[in-house]
Amino acid sequence: MFPFKETLNKARLTALYAICVQIFRHIAQKSLARQLRSRQDSAREQRSVALR
């Protein structure tokens, strides 16, 4: 019965790892999108100032 319990624990750890990776990717994607949007806004603002 011990090997079964060890296998179950490994499966749980693997599932937890997969969830953590998904959360990390989601946060990183949101962060990159926010940075890109900020850079686009800055570029847009610089163009509007240059056109004045």
C-alpha atoms as a PDB file:
ATOM      1  CA  MET A   1       0.000   0.000   0.000  1.00  0.00           C
ATOM      2  CA  PHE A   2       2.925   2.349   0.559  1.00  0.00           C
ATOM      3  CA  PRO A   3       3.933   2.614  -3.143  1.00  0.00           C
ATOM      4  CA  PHE A   4       0.334   3.529  -4.003  1.00  0.00           C
ATOM      5  CA  LYS A   5       0.356   6.359  -1.477  1.00  0.00           C
ATOM      6  CA  GLU A   6       3.698   7.604  -2.803  1.00  0.00           C
ATOM      7  CA  THR A   7       2.344   7.557  -6.368  1.00  0.00           C
ATOM      8  CA  LEU A   8      -0.737   9.460  -5.241  1.00  0.00           C
ATOM      9  CA  ASN A   9       1.428  12.105  -3.557  1.00  0.00           C
ATOM     10  CA  LYS A  10       3.532  12.479  -6.713  1.00  0.00           C
ATOM     11  CA  ALA A  11       0.370  12.898  -8.775  1.00  0.00           C
ATOM     12  CA  ARG A  12      -0.876  15.580  -6.388  1.00  0.00           C
ATOM     13  CA  LEU A  13       2.449  17.411  -6.526  1.00  0.00           C
ATOM     14  CA  THR A  14       2.445  17.231 -10.313  1.00  0.00           C
ATOM     15  CA  ALA A  15      -1.078  18.671 -10.441  1.00  0.00           C
ATOM     16  CA  LEU A  16      -0.154  21.426  -7.981  1.00  0.00           C
ATOM     17  CA  TYR A  17       2.944  22.263 -10.042  1.00  0.00           C
ATOM     18  CA  ALA A  18       0.837  22.491 -13.215  1.00  0.00           C
ATOM     19  CA  ILE A  19      -1.600  24.849 -11.492  1.00  0.00           C
ATOM     20  CA  CYS A  20       1.254  27.044 -10.241  1.00  0.00           C
ATOM     21  CA  VAL A  21       2.756  27.219 -13.733  1.00  0.00           C
ATOM     22  CA  GLN A  22      -0.616  28.275 -15.174  1.00  0.00           C
ATOM     23  CA  ILE A  23      -1.000  30.984 -12.534  1.00  0.00           C
ATOM     24  CA  PHE A  24       2.538  32.259 -13.174  1.00  0.00           C
ATOM     25  CA  ARG A  25       1.968  32.362 -16.942  1.00  0.00           C
ATOM     26  CA  HIS A  26      -1.314  34.217 -16.464  1.00  0.00           C
ATOM     27  CA  ILE A  27       0.312  36.836 -14.216  1.00  0.00           C
ATOM     28  CA  ALA A  28       3.261  37.241 -16.603  1.00  0.00           C
ATOM     29  CA  GLN A  29       0.925  37.622 -19.585  1.00  0.00           C
ATOM     30  CA  LYS A  30      -1.127  40.295 -17.797  1.00  0.00           C
ATOM     31  CA  SER A  31       2.031  42.118 -16.752  1.00  0.00           C
ATOM     32  CA  LEU A  32       3.443  42.120 -20.276  1.00  0.00           C
ATOM     33  CA  ALA A  33       0.131  43.324 -21.709  1.00  0.00           C
ATOM     34  CA  ARG A  34       0.063  46.168 -19.169  1.00  0.00           C
ATOM     35  CA  GLN A  35       3.640  47.175 -20.063  1.00  0.00           C
ATOM     36  CA  LEU A  36       2.850  47.106 -23.776  1.00  0.00           C
ATOM     37  CA  ARG A  37      -0.259  49.211 -23.268  1.00  0.00           C
ATOM     38  CA  SER A  38       1.740  51.694 -21.196  1.00  0.00           C
ATOM     39  CA  ARG A  39       4.403  51.990 -23.912  1.00  0.00           C
ATOM     40  CA  GLN A  40       1.755  52.469 -26.597  1.00  0.00           C
ATOM     41  CA  ASP A  41       0.109  55.203 -24.525  1.00  0.00           C
ATOM     42  CA  SER A  42       3.469  56.932 -24.046  1.00  0.00           C
ATOM     43  CA  ALA A  43       4.237  56.779 -27.755  1.00  0.00           C
ATOM     44  CA  ARG A  44       0.776  58.122 -28.580  1.00  0.00           C
ATOM     45  CA  GLU A  45       1.240  60.975 -26.120  1.00  0.00           C
ATOM     46  CA  GLN A  46       4.686  61.837 -27.539  1.00  0.00           C
ATOM     47  CA  ARG A  47       3.259  61.952 -31.066  1.00  0.00           C
ATOM     48  CA  SER A  48       0.419  64.225 -30.019  1.00  0.00           C
ATOM     49  CA  VAL A  49       2.859  66.583 -28.272  1.00  0.00           C
ATOM     50  CA  ALA A  50       5.110  66.611 -31.359  1.00  0.00           C
ATOM     51  CA  LEU A  51       2.174  67.522 -33.600  1.00  0.00           C
ATOM     52  CA  ARG A  52       1.248  70.592 -31.542  1.00  0.00           C
END
